[in-house]
Amino acid sequence: MSVARHQVLGAYRNLLKAQKQTFKGDWNTLAAARQRTYTEFDLKRNETDEIKIKEQLELANQVASLLRHNLAQAVQVDDTDVYSLKLNEDHELGDNETLRQASKLRRLKNAEGKSTGGGCGSPSCCSA
């Protein structure tokens, strides 16, 4: 099954829409993101390998999803040192449960005498 032109254009538009939503009001960042998107798609314009094209389309759609769901813009409030996050209904608001479980597991291992290395639990990061 060949990759249709409309699939490529759809991925391109998907990225541009995600950028517009995420960087709304930040014209410099929006312009840079759009330029980067154009450059990346233009570099691969003559690609003929279907597998590589599909991989790139998947990557483009993953980046668009990341922009929509995981990236929030911080805006300075009235020339103060306070910043406000601009979130919308698409943003994923996790509960950090995976971090809590990893910390609990690390404490259990340390209690059993199986120290994982550094103070943060990484074998190479911090010294105990």
Protein backbone atom coordinates (compact mmCIF):
# COMPACT_ATOMS: atom_id res chain seq x y z
CA MET A 1 0.00 0.00 0.00
CA SER A 2 1.51 3.29 -1.05
CA VAL A 3 1.58 6.42 1.06
CA ALA A 4 -0.80 8.92 -0.49
CA ARG A 5 0.05 12.60 -0.88
CA HIS A 6 -2.96 13.50 1.27
CA GLN A 7 -1.45 11.54 4.18
CA VAL A 8 1.73 13.60 4.01
CA LEU A 9 -0.21 16.85 3.74
CA GLY A 10 -2.45 15.73 6.60
CA ALA A 11 0.56 15.12 8.87
CA TYR A 12 2.00 18.51 7.86
CA ARG A 13 -1.27 20.30 8.64
CA ASN A 14 -1.62 18.36 11.90
CA LEU A 15 1.78 19.66 13.02
CA LEU A 16 0.99 23.24 12.00
CA LYS A 17 -2.33 23.18 13.88
CA ALA A 18 -0.69 21.74 17.00
CA GLN A 19 1.97 24.46 16.84
CA LYS A 20 -0.64 27.18 16.41
CA GLN A 21 -2.55 25.91 19.47
CA THR A 22 0.54 25.42 21.64
CA PHE A 23 2.42 28.61 20.78
CA LYS A 24 -0.59 30.92 20.50
CA GLY A 25 0.54 34.50 21.05
CA ASP A 26 4.26 33.64 20.91
CA TRP A 27 5.00 34.68 17.35
CA ASN A 28 8.75 34.09 17.47
CA THR A 29 8.40 30.51 18.68
CA LEU A 30 5.53 29.83 16.28
CA ALA A 31 7.54 31.14 13.33
CA ALA A 32 10.57 29.05 14.33
CA ALA A 33 8.43 25.91 14.72
CA ARG A 34 6.77 26.43 11.35
CA GLN A 35 10.12 27.03 9.66
CA ARG A 36 11.56 23.87 11.21
CA THR A 37 8.52 21.86 10.10
CA TYR A 38 8.80 23.21 6.55
CA THR A 39 12.54 22.47 6.46
CA GLU A 40 12.13 18.90 7.73
CA PHE A 41 9.35 18.08 5.28
CA ASP A 42 11.25 19.74 2.42
CA LEU A 43 14.41 17.72 3.17
CA LYS A 44 12.42 14.51 2.78
CA ARG A 45 10.37 15.65 -0.22
CA ASN A 46 12.04 13.21 -2.62
CA GLU A 47 12.03 10.17 -0.31
CA THR A 48 10.73 7.09 -2.11
CA ASP A 49 11.20 4.37 0.51
CA GLU A 50 7.67 3.64 1.79
CA ILE A 51 8.90 2.40 5.17
CA LYS A 52 10.91 5.56 5.81
CA ILE A 53 7.98 7.73 4.71
CA LYS A 54 5.62 5.93 7.08
CA GLU A 55 8.13 6.26 9.93
CA GLN A 56 8.42 10.00 9.30
CA LEU A 57 4.63 10.41 9.17
CA GLU A 58 4.33 8.55 12.48
CA LEU A 59 7.00 10.80 13.97
CA ALA A 60 5.22 13.94 12.74
CA ASN A 61 1.94 12.79 14.27
CA GLN A 62 3.66 11.88 17.55
CA VAL A 63 5.26 15.33 17.74
CA ALA A 64 1.87 16.95 17.09
CA SER A 65 0.34 14.85 19.87
CA LEU A 66 3.17 15.75 22.24
CA LEU A 67 2.66 19.45 21.49
CA ARG A 68 -1.07 19.21 22.12
CA HIS A 69 -1.04 17.04 25.24
CA ASN A 70 2.27 17.54 27.04
CA LEU A 71 3.67 20.99 26.31
CA ALA A 72 2.32 24.04 28.09
CA GLN A 73 3.23 27.65 27.55
CA ALA A 74 4.21 29.78 30.55
CA VAL A 75 3.35 33.48 30.41
CA GLN A 76 4.75 36.15 32.69
CA VAL A 77 2.08 37.86 34.81
CA ASP A 78 2.22 41.69 34.78
CA ASP A 79 6.00 42.23 34.76
CA THR A 80 6.47 40.20 37.95
CA ASP A 81 8.48 37.08 38.69
CA VAL A 82 5.24 35.08 38.53
CA TYR A 83 4.37 32.91 35.54
CA SER A 84 1.05 31.36 34.61
CA LEU A 85 0.64 28.16 32.60
CA LYS A 86 -1.66 28.29 29.62
CA LEU A 87 -3.41 24.92 29.74
CA ASN A 88 -6.34 23.71 27.68
CA GLU A 89 -8.69 20.75 27.76
CA ASP A 90 -6.27 18.60 25.71
CA HIS A 91 -3.42 18.72 28.23
CA GLU A 92 -2.71 15.56 30.18
CA LEU A 93 -2.64 16.29 33.87
CA GLY A 94 -0.97 13.28 35.44
CA ASP A 95 -0.97 12.39 39.10
CA ASN A 96 2.75 11.41 39.24
CA GLU A 97 1.78 7.90 40.32
CA THR A 98 4.62 6.33 38.31
CA LEU A 99 7.13 8.56 40.11
CA ARG A 100 5.69 7.61 43.49
CA GLN A 101 5.87 3.90 42.67
CA ALA A 102 9.48 4.19 41.46
CA SER A 103 10.43 6.01 44.66
CA LYS A 104 8.68 3.37 46.78
CA LEU A 105 10.46 0.57 44.90
CA ARG A 106 13.81 2.30 45.36
CA ARG A 107 13.20 2.66 49.12
CA LEU A 108 12.30 -1.04 49.37
CA LYS A 109 15.49 -2.06 47.56
CA ASN A 110 17.59 0.17 49.79
CA ALA A 111 15.92 -1.25 52.89
CA GLU A 112 16.83 -4.78 51.72
CA GLY A 113 20.48 -3.73 51.41
CA LYS A 114 20.42 -3.60 47.65
CA SER A 115 21.45 0.02 47.21
CA THR A 116 20.93 1.21 43.66
CA GLY A 117 23.97 3.53 43.79
CA GLY A 118 23.46 7.27 43.89
CA GLY A 119 21.41 9.29 46.32
CA CYS A 120 18.69 9.74 43.72
CA GLY A 121 18.51 6.02 43.00
CA SER A 122 20.50 6.15 39.79
CA PRO A 123 23.60 3.97 39.71
CA SER A 124 25.63 6.68 37.95
CA CYS A 125 24.05 10.03 38.77
CA CYS A 126 24.70 11.01 42.37
CA SER A 127 27.03 9.68 45.00
CA ALA A 128 25.46 8.21 48.10
